[in-house]
Amino acid sequence: MASLSILELGRVRQGSDRRTALDEARALARHAEGLGYQRFWVAEHHNMPTVTTAATALVIQHIAAGTTSIRVGAGGIMLPNHAPYIIAEQFGTLATLFPGRIDLGLGRAPGTDQMTLQALRRDPRNAHNFPQDVLELQAYLRPVQPGQAIEAVPGSGTNVPLWILGSSTFGAQLAAELGLPYGFASHFAPQALDVALEIYRERFKPSEQLDAPHALVGVNVIAADTDEEARRLATSQQMSFVGMVRGKRELMQPPIDDIDSYWTPHEKAQASQMLACSVVGSPETVRAGLRDLVDRTQADELMIVSDVFDPEKRRRSFEIIVDVAS
């Protein structure tokens, strides 16, 4: 079985608050560390009331300070939103504080809407510079070269591992060309998963960081003691995706008994398409579903999203997942 990692959005639950969401993320990372998960990543999203990981580097610091060995990182930083030099300073600082534990996944999408992009003072055309920005960032994180006029302090010489993240073949081609590990966002956009992985592996060129392809696949997994309980817990995530379809972002809602009473057939079709890469069920169901996904994709690593409303049941979900995958 592939190694297991976790993607965290710091979701704010109904009846809770933002500070609690950040502290719950930290507590979950500590729990995941004890279970043997390899990494714990947080994602950059903006102007979303239910997501608390917008200041991604700060959230990583909060989580890394509460853990001791698990790798912590960005899944990812939306590089067009930032100057590469600033990201080199931020993640160089994290790598200095937590040596050998920081990852830096990079995405090309803005992670927000166009109005918020304007508030970030960023030009949508910045996405066209993504390959050049990755190379610039990589250079800042390497040892200083003779005659180099601008140094990232901290940052230079930390060689923070870079990942290319995406949901299309563009990221696969770039990761292959640069010889970097590649993560596919199949937990919300699974349509191009198979072809992207094929392109990545076929075109991969070894680099200083990586001598062979390393493919990470995002997957929604909600595990419980029975299939029925898991399906009920999964309705919280399904309602979150319906909110995206409706253009109405709400706090994470508690599970409901009948999801068909909540969404229309059109909303069900759209949300189900985004959630197609999901495994929901009992330990036996999850074991079979993960095995099928790994057999299909030959993934080196699975990045697990387990959006469960109740923190205790969420921890239980991650316990079941690691148990059946061992």
Protein backbone atom coordinates (compact mmCIF):
# COMPACT_ATOMS: atom_id res chain seq x y z
CA MET A 1 0.00 0.00 0.00
CA ALA A 2 1.11 3.58 -0.64
CA SER A 3 2.25 5.76 2.24
CA LEU A 4 -0.43 7.94 3.84
CA SER A 5 -0.58 11.68 4.47
CA ILE A 6 -3.28 14.18 5.44
CA LEU A 7 -4.58 17.38 3.83
CA GLU A 8 -6.13 19.84 6.30
CA LEU A 9 -8.29 22.89 5.58
CA GLY A 10 -8.92 23.95 9.17
CA ARG A 11 -12.67 23.86 8.62
CA VAL A 12 -14.85 25.91 10.96
CA ARG A 13 -17.79 23.87 12.21
CA GLN A 14 -21.25 25.25 12.94
CA GLY A 15 -21.35 26.17 16.61
CA SER A 16 -17.57 26.52 16.79
CA ASP A 17 -15.06 29.27 15.92
CA ARG A 18 -11.89 29.92 13.97
CA ARG A 19 -9.46 29.56 16.85
CA THR A 20 -10.96 26.20 17.70
CA ALA A 21 -10.59 25.09 14.07
CA LEU A 22 -6.87 25.94 14.11
CA ASP A 23 -6.33 24.21 17.43
CA GLU A 24 -8.25 21.14 16.23
CA ALA A 25 -5.97 20.99 13.19
CA ARG A 26 -2.94 21.04 15.46
CA ALA A 27 -4.42 18.35 17.70
CA LEU A 28 -5.21 16.20 14.67
CA ALA A 29 -1.64 16.54 13.42
CA ARG A 30 -0.36 15.37 16.78
CA HIS A 31 -2.73 12.40 16.63
CA ALA A 32 -1.70 11.62 13.04
CA GLU A 33 1.95 11.71 14.06
CA GLY A 34 1.27 9.01 16.63
CA LEU A 35 -0.56 6.92 14.04
CA GLY A 36 2.36 7.03 11.61
CA TYR A 37 1.09 9.36 8.89
CA GLN A 38 3.95 10.73 6.82
CA ARG A 39 2.93 14.36 6.29
CA PHE A 40 0.31 16.87 7.31
CA TRP A 41 -0.32 19.60 4.77
CA VAL A 42 -2.54 22.68 4.80
CA ALA A 43 -3.95 24.45 1.74
CA GLU A 44 -4.09 28.13 0.80
CA HIS A 45 -7.64 29.36 0.22
CA HIS A 46 -8.95 32.90 0.61
CA ASN A 47 -12.31 34.51 1.37
CA MET A 48 -13.88 31.26 2.53
CA PRO A 49 -15.63 31.55 5.91
CA THR A 50 -15.20 27.86 6.67
CA VAL A 51 -11.45 27.63 5.87
CA THR A 52 -8.80 28.99 8.26
CA THR A 53 -5.57 28.18 6.40
CA ALA A 54 -5.26 31.34 4.26
CA ALA A 55 -2.08 32.46 6.06
CA THR A 56 -0.56 29.11 5.21
CA ALA A 57 2.96 29.60 6.55
CA LEU A 58 1.60 30.75 9.91
CA VAL A 59 -0.69 27.74 10.18
CA ILE A 60 2.22 25.44 9.33
CA GLN A 61 4.22 27.04 12.15
CA HIS A 62 1.31 26.50 14.56
CA ILE A 63 1.07 22.83 13.63
CA ALA A 64 4.80 22.13 13.47
CA ALA A 65 5.26 23.65 16.93
CA GLY A 66 2.71 21.20 18.33
CA THR A 67 4.33 18.11 16.78
CA THR A 68 7.81 16.61 16.79
CA SER A 69 8.42 14.36 13.79
CA ILE A 70 5.64 14.42 11.17
CA ARG A 71 6.44 16.43 8.05
CA VAL A 72 4.34 19.60 7.81
CA GLY A 73 3.85 21.66 4.72
CA ALA A 74 1.76 23.47 2.15
CA GLY A 75 -0.59 21.60 -0.08
CA GLY A 76 -0.21 24.10 -1.43
CA ILE A 77 0.98 27.64 -1.75
CA MET A 78 -0.72 29.29 -4.73
CA LEU A 79 2.46 30.79 -6.12
CA PRO A 80 0.84 33.34 -8.50
CA ASN A 81 -0.50 35.06 -5.35
CA HIS A 82 3.01 35.74 -4.03
CA ALA A 83 6.48 36.93 -4.91
CA PRO A 84 8.77 33.85 -4.97
CA TYR A 85 11.27 35.73 -2.80
CA ILE A 86 8.71 36.15 0.00
CA ILE A 87 7.80 32.46 -0.09
CA ALA A 88 11.50 31.58 0.06
CA GLU A 89 11.87 33.72 3.18
CA GLN A 90 8.75 32.28 4.81
CA PHE A 91 9.54 28.63 4.15
CA GLY A 92 13.22 29.14 4.75
CA THR A 93 12.27 30.43 8.19
CA LEU A 94 10.05 27.41 8.78
CA ALA A 95 12.83 25.06 7.67
CA THR A 96 15.23 26.84 10.03
CA LEU A 97 12.82 26.47 12.95
CA PHE A 98 11.82 22.88 12.08
CA PRO A 99 14.74 21.38 10.12
CA GLY A 100 13.99 18.36 7.97
CA ARG A 101 10.23 18.62 8.46
CA ILE A 102 8.93 21.23 6.00
CA ASP A 103 7.45 20.59 2.54
CA LEU A 104 6.43 23.20 -0.01
CA GLY A 105 3.74 22.20 -2.49
CA LEU A 106 3.08 24.77 -5.22
CA GLY A 107 -0.08 25.38 -7.19
CA ARG A 108 -0.88 27.57 -10.19
CA ALA A 109 -4.52 28.40 -9.40
CA PRO A 110 -5.40 31.49 -7.32
CA GLY A 111 -7.30 29.52 -4.68
CA THR A 112 -10.01 32.16 -4.59
CA ASP A 113 -12.42 34.26 -6.66
CA GLN A 114 -11.51 37.13 -8.98
CA MET A 115 -12.62 39.88 -6.58
CA THR A 116 -10.44 38.47 -3.82
CA LEU A 117 -7.57 38.17 -6.27
CA GLN A 118 -7.86 41.92 -6.79
CA ALA A 119 -7.82 42.42 -3.02
CA LEU A 120 -4.58 40.42 -2.97
CA ARG A 121 -3.22 42.97 -5.49
CA ARG A 122 -2.40 40.18 -7.90
CA ASP A 123 -2.79 40.08 -11.66
CA PRO A 124 -4.60 36.96 -13.00
CA ARG A 125 -1.94 36.82 -15.73
CA ASN A 126 0.64 35.90 -13.08
CA ALA A 127 -0.37 32.27 -13.53
CA HIS A 128 1.37 32.33 -16.92
CA ASN A 129 4.68 32.90 -15.12
CA PHE A 130 4.28 29.86 -12.88
CA PRO A 131 7.14 27.77 -14.34
CA GLN A 132 9.57 30.69 -14.12
CA ASP A 133 8.41 31.52 -10.59
CA VAL A 134 9.03 27.92 -9.49
CA LEU A 135 12.57 28.08 -10.80
CA GLU A 136 13.17 31.45 -9.12
CA LEU A 137 11.89 30.14 -5.81
CA GLN A 138 14.01 27.02 -6.12
CA ALA A 139 17.10 29.15 -6.71
CA TYR A 140 16.47 31.22 -3.58
CA LEU A 141 16.28 28.04 -1.48
CA ARG A 142 19.58 26.68 -2.77
CA PRO A 143 23.01 27.68 -1.44
CA VAL A 144 24.08 31.19 -2.41
CA GLN A 145 26.06 31.30 -5.64
CA PRO A 146 29.11 33.51 -6.32
CA GLY A 147 27.95 36.95 -7.37
CA GLN A 148 24.38 36.40 -6.23
CA ALA A 149 23.06 39.82 -5.24
CA ILE A 150 19.78 38.82 -3.56
CA GLU A 151 19.68 36.20 -0.80
CA ALA A 152 16.66 34.82 1.05
CA VAL A 153 17.48 35.05 4.76
CA PRO A 154 16.50 32.59 6.18
CA GLY A 155 15.99 30.48 3.09
CA SER A 156 19.23 30.10 1.20
CA GLY A 157 20.74 26.67 1.63
CA THR A 158 17.64 25.15 3.21
CA ASN A 159 16.71 23.27 0.02
CA VAL A 160 13.09 22.98 1.15
CA PRO A 161 11.60 20.14 -0.96
CA LEU A 162 9.31 21.48 -3.67
CA TRP A 163 6.26 19.69 -5.04
CA ILE A 164 4.15 20.59 -8.06
CA LEU A 165 0.43 20.29 -7.38
CA GLY A 166 -2.39 20.41 -9.89
CA SER A 167 -5.59 19.06 -11.35
CA SER A 168 -4.62 19.12 -15.02
CA THR A 169 -1.89 17.88 -17.32
CA PHE A 170 -0.03 21.21 -17.12
CA GLY A 171 1.28 20.50 -13.63
CA ALA A 172 2.16 16.95 -14.60
CA GLN A 173 4.29 18.16 -17.49
CA LEU A 174 6.03 20.77 -15.35
CA ALA A 175 6.75 18.37 -12.49
CA ALA A 176 8.17 15.86 -14.97
CA GLU A 177 10.36 18.47 -16.69
CA LEU A 178 11.76 19.79 -13.39
CA GLY A 179 12.14 16.36 -11.80
CA LEU A 180 9.89 17.17 -8.85
CA PRO A 181 7.30 15.11 -6.97
CA TYR A 182 3.77 15.60 -8.26
CA GLY A 183 0.49 15.75 -6.37
CA PHE A 184 -2.85 15.48 -8.17
CA ALA A 185 -5.90 17.14 -6.60
CA SER A 186 -8.25 14.26 -7.32
CA HIS A 187 -10.05 14.87 -4.02
CA PHE A 188 -12.05 17.63 -5.75
CA ALA A 189 -11.14 17.51 -9.46
CA PRO A 190 -10.51 13.88 -10.44
CA GLN A 191 -11.30 14.00 -14.15
CA ALA A 192 -7.73 14.15 -15.53
CA LEU A 193 -6.11 11.94 -12.87
CA ASP A 194 -5.12 8.96 -15.01
CA VAL A 195 -3.80 10.86 -18.01
CA ALA A 196 -1.88 13.32 -15.81
CA LEU A 197 -0.12 10.51 -13.96
CA GLU A 198 0.74 8.81 -17.25
CA ILE A 199 2.27 12.02 -18.63
CA TYR A 200 4.20 12.63 -15.42
CA ARG A 201 5.77 9.18 -15.36
CA GLU A 202 6.51 9.03 -19.08
CA ARG A 203 8.22 12.43 -19.23
CA PHE A 204 9.96 12.51 -15.83
CA LYS A 205 13.56 13.74 -15.84
CA PRO A 206 15.70 13.00 -12.75
CA SER A 207 16.88 16.00 -10.75
CA GLU A 208 18.99 16.86 -7.71
CA GLN A 209 15.86 16.54 -5.56
CA LEU A 210 14.38 13.36 -7.03
CA ASP A 211 15.82 10.53 -9.11
CA ALA A 212 12.53 8.77 -9.93
CA PRO A 213 8.87 9.85 -10.22
CA HIS A 214 6.90 10.22 -6.99
CA ALA A 215 3.14 10.55 -7.48
CA LEU A 216 0.79 11.65 -4.72
CA VAL A 217 -2.97 11.23 -5.22
CA GLY A 218 -5.61 13.11 -3.26
CA VAL A 219 -8.58 11.06 -2.07
CA ASN A 220 -11.56 11.66 0.20
CA VAL A 221 -11.84 8.90 2.77
CA ILE A 222 -14.48 8.74 5.47
CA ALA A 223 -14.27 5.62 7.58
CA ALA A 224 -16.48 4.44 10.41
CA ASP A 225 -17.37 1.16 12.07
CA THR A 226 -20.20 0.53 9.58
CA ASP A 227 -20.97 1.55 6.01
CA GLU A 228 -24.19 3.18 7.16
CA GLU A 229 -22.45 5.38 9.73
CA ALA A 230 -19.74 6.39 7.27
CA ARG A 231 -22.29 7.38 4.63
CA ARG A 232 -24.08 9.54 7.19
CA LEU A 233 -20.83 11.21 8.29
CA ALA A 234 -20.02 11.90 4.63
CA THR A 235 -23.10 14.11 4.25
CA SER A 236 -21.22 16.99 5.93
CA GLN A 237 -18.69 17.02 3.09
CA GLN A 238 -21.40 16.54 0.48
CA MET A 239 -23.23 19.60 1.82
CA SER A 240 -19.98 21.60 1.65
CA PHE A 241 -19.65 20.74 -2.04
CA VAL A 242 -23.28 21.63 -2.67
CA GLY A 243 -22.44 25.01 -1.18
CA MET A 244 -19.77 25.44 -3.86
CA VAL A 245 -22.31 24.56 -6.55
CA ARG A 246 -24.75 27.11 -5.10
CA GLY A 247 -22.04 29.74 -4.70
CA LYS A 248 -22.87 29.90 -1.01
CA ARG A 249 -20.05 29.10 1.40
CA GLU A 250 -21.30 28.13 4.84
CA LEU A 251 -19.70 26.74 7.98
CA MET A 252 -19.32 22.98 8.05
CA GLN A 253 -22.67 21.43 8.92
CA PRO A 254 -23.39 18.39 11.08
CA PRO A 255 -24.36 15.22 9.20
CA ILE A 256 -27.95 14.55 8.21
CA ASP A 257 -29.91 11.34 7.72
CA ASP A 258 -31.11 11.94 4.16
CA ILE A 259 -28.80 13.84 1.80
CA ASP A 260 -31.33 13.51 -1.04
CA SER A 261 -33.62 15.85 0.88
CA TYR A 262 -30.85 18.48 0.81
CA TRP A 263 -29.62 18.55 -2.79
CA THR A 264 -31.40 18.71 -6.12
CA PRO A 265 -30.63 16.11 -8.82
CA HIS A 266 -28.50 18.69 -10.63
CA GLU A 267 -26.57 19.56 -7.47
CA LYS A 268 -26.11 15.88 -6.70
CA ALA A 269 -24.64 15.26 -10.15
CA GLN A 270 -22.20 18.17 -9.87
CA ALA A 271 -21.10 17.45 -6.31
CA SER A 272 -20.78 13.73 -7.01
CA GLN A 273 -18.57 14.46 -10.01
CA MET A 274 -16.20 16.52 -7.85
CA LEU A 275 -16.27 13.83 -5.15
CA ALA A 276 -15.81 10.88 -7.52
CA CYS A 277 -12.44 10.02 -5.97
CA SER A 278 -13.87 9.07 -2.59
CA VAL A 279 -13.95 6.00 -0.39
CA VAL A 280 -16.69 5.92 2.24
CA GLY A 281 -17.51 3.01 4.49
CA SER A 282 -16.55 0.42 7.07
CA PRO A 283 -12.98 -0.83 7.53
CA GLU A 284 -13.57 -3.57 4.97
CA THR A 285 -15.02 -1.14 2.43
CA VAL A 286 -12.21 1.36 2.93
CA ARG A 287 -9.53 -1.33 2.63
CA ALA A 288 -10.95 -2.51 -0.68
CA GLY A 289 -11.47 1.03 -1.99
CA LEU A 290 -7.93 2.16 -1.20
CA ARG A 291 -6.48 -1.01 -2.69
CA ASP A 292 -8.44 -0.43 -5.90
CA LEU A 293 -7.26 3.20 -6.10
CA VAL A 294 -3.61 2.27 -5.61
CA ASP A 295 -3.89 -0.59 -8.11
CA ARG A 296 -5.40 1.80 -10.65
CA THR A 297 -3.02 4.74 -10.15
CA GLN A 298 0.13 3.06 -8.80
CA ALA A 299 0.30 6.02 -6.42
CA ASP A 300 3.38 6.27 -4.24
CA GLU A 301 1.44 8.23 -1.65
CA LEU A 302 -2.19 9.01 -0.81
CA MET A 303 -3.13 12.42 0.54
CA ILE A 304 -6.22 11.80 2.65
CA VAL A 305 -9.04 14.30 3.13
CA SER A 306 -11.47 13.14 5.82
CA ASP A 307 -13.99 15.91 6.36
CA VAL A 308 -15.98 14.68 9.35
CA PHE A 309 -17.92 17.13 11.51
CA ASP A 310 -17.30 15.60 14.92
CA PRO A 311 -13.58 15.81 15.91
CA GLU A 312 -13.67 12.50 17.78
CA LYS A 313 -15.27 10.67 14.85
CA ARG A 314 -12.77 12.34 12.53
CA ARG A 315 -9.87 11.01 14.58
CA ARG A 316 -11.52 7.58 14.51
CA SER A 317 -11.75 7.81 10.71
CA PHE A 318 -8.01 8.39 10.43
CA GLU A 319 -7.34 5.54 12.84
CA ILE A 320 -9.34 3.12 10.69
CA ILE A 321 -7.66 4.34 7.50
CA VAL A 322 -4.13 3.76 8.75
CA ASP A 323 -5.11 0.43 10.26
CA VAL A 324 -6.61 -1.00 7.06
CA ALA A 325 -3.77 0.35 4.92
CA SER A 326 -1.00 -1.24 6.98
